[in-house]
Amino acid sequence: MIEPTDLPPTQYLVMEVLAARYRLGEQAWTFPSTLRPVMQALAEKQLIGWKSGTAPASILAWLTDAGRKHSLMPGYVPPIHATPPQ
């Protein structure tokens, strides 16, 4: 398993964005095409899948099974769904 500290900062941030969007119900997210090298590196690690986006100069990326395992903690409860302490 790849640890967060094993990823360069930009790769880690992309994974965090994809994990956050996944938690909110989004299966994929659009990024600027300037991040193509980052996407390629994450895809080589089998953490994400990606393809050219429908908008010009965009990339559509999503977490793979390995990416979800890497970035999503079991039992995570989004703050908006958390029950306030009593």
Protein backbone atom coordinates (compact mmCIF):
# COMPACT_ATOMS: atom_id res chain seq x y z
CA MET A 1 0.00 0.00 0.00
CA ILE A 2 1.26 3.48 -0.86
CA GLU A 3 1.37 5.87 2.07
CA PRO A 4 0.41 9.55 1.65
CA THR A 5 4.00 10.46 2.43
CA ASP A 6 5.09 8.37 -0.58
CA LEU A 7 3.44 10.81 -2.97
CA PRO A 8 4.83 14.16 -4.06
CA PRO A 9 2.69 17.09 -2.86
CA THR A 10 0.82 17.67 -6.14
CA GLN A 11 -0.02 13.99 -6.53
CA TYR A 12 -1.17 13.89 -2.92
CA LEU A 13 -3.42 16.93 -3.46
CA VAL A 14 -4.99 15.38 -6.57
CA MET A 15 -5.72 12.23 -4.57
CA GLU A 16 -7.25 14.31 -1.78
CA VAL A 17 -9.48 16.17 -4.25
CA LEU A 18 -10.64 12.94 -5.85
CA ALA A 19 -11.30 11.36 -2.46
CA ALA A 20 -13.27 14.38 -1.28
CA ARG A 21 -15.34 14.44 -4.46
CA TYR A 22 -15.91 10.67 -4.20
CA ARG A 23 -17.18 11.08 -0.64
CA LEU A 24 -19.66 13.66 -1.94
CA GLY A 25 -20.93 11.27 -4.60
CA GLU A 26 -18.87 12.39 -7.59
CA GLN A 27 -17.28 9.47 -9.42
CA ALA A 28 -14.92 11.66 -11.46
CA TRP A 29 -13.60 15.20 -11.42
CA THR A 30 -12.17 17.59 -13.99
CA PHE A 31 -8.66 19.02 -13.73
CA PRO A 32 -6.67 21.32 -16.01
CA SER A 33 -4.58 19.55 -18.62
CA THR A 34 -1.45 21.14 -17.14
CA LEU A 35 -1.67 18.33 -14.58
CA ARG A 36 -1.22 15.64 -17.26
CA PRO A 37 2.21 14.55 -15.91
CA VAL A 38 0.72 14.21 -12.43
CA MET A 39 -2.18 12.15 -13.78
CA GLN A 40 0.19 9.93 -15.73
CA ALA A 41 2.30 9.31 -12.63
CA LEU A 42 -0.76 8.44 -10.52
CA ALA A 43 -2.11 6.19 -13.28
CA GLU A 44 1.24 4.37 -13.42
CA LYS A 45 0.80 3.68 -9.70
CA GLN A 46 -2.71 2.42 -10.57
CA LEU A 47 -4.31 4.91 -8.18
CA ILE A 48 -6.40 6.75 -10.76
CA GLY A 49 -7.82 6.45 -14.21
CA TRP A 50 -8.00 9.47 -16.47
CA LYS A 51 -8.86 10.63 -19.96
CA SER A 52 -9.16 13.88 -21.85
CA GLY A 53 -12.10 15.92 -20.64
CA THR A 54 -14.93 17.24 -22.76
CA ALA A 55 -13.91 20.85 -22.15
CA PRO A 56 -10.81 22.11 -23.94
CA ALA A 57 -7.58 21.68 -21.97
CA SER A 58 -9.21 19.49 -19.33
CA ILE A 59 -8.69 16.02 -17.89
CA LEU A 60 -11.34 13.81 -16.31
CA ALA A 61 -9.91 11.68 -13.49
CA TRP A 62 -11.34 9.10 -11.11
CA LEU A 63 -10.11 6.83 -8.33
CA THR A 64 -9.42 3.20 -9.13
CA ASP A 65 -10.09 0.47 -6.59
CA ALA A 66 -6.48 0.84 -5.44
CA GLY A 67 -6.93 4.61 -5.27
CA ARG A 68 -10.04 4.29 -3.12
CA LYS A 69 -8.21 1.88 -0.82
CA HIS A 70 -5.32 4.33 -0.60
CA SER A 71 -7.37 7.47 0.00
CA LEU A 72 -10.60 6.50 1.71
CA MET A 73 -10.54 5.51 5.34
CA PRO A 74 -13.03 2.84 6.41
CA GLY A 75 -15.73 4.30 8.61
CA TYR A 76 -15.23 7.85 7.34
CA VAL A 77 -18.28 10.00 8.05
CA PRO A 78 -18.54 13.32 6.20
CA PRO A 79 -18.79 16.28 8.59
CA ILE A 80 -22.18 17.28 7.22
CA HIS A 81 -23.53 13.86 8.21
CA ALA A 82 -21.81 13.58 11.56
CA THR A 83 -23.98 13.64 14.64
CA PRO A 84 -23.00 16.45 17.01
CA PRO A 85 -21.66 15.29 20.38
CA GLN A 86 -24.24 15.19 23.14
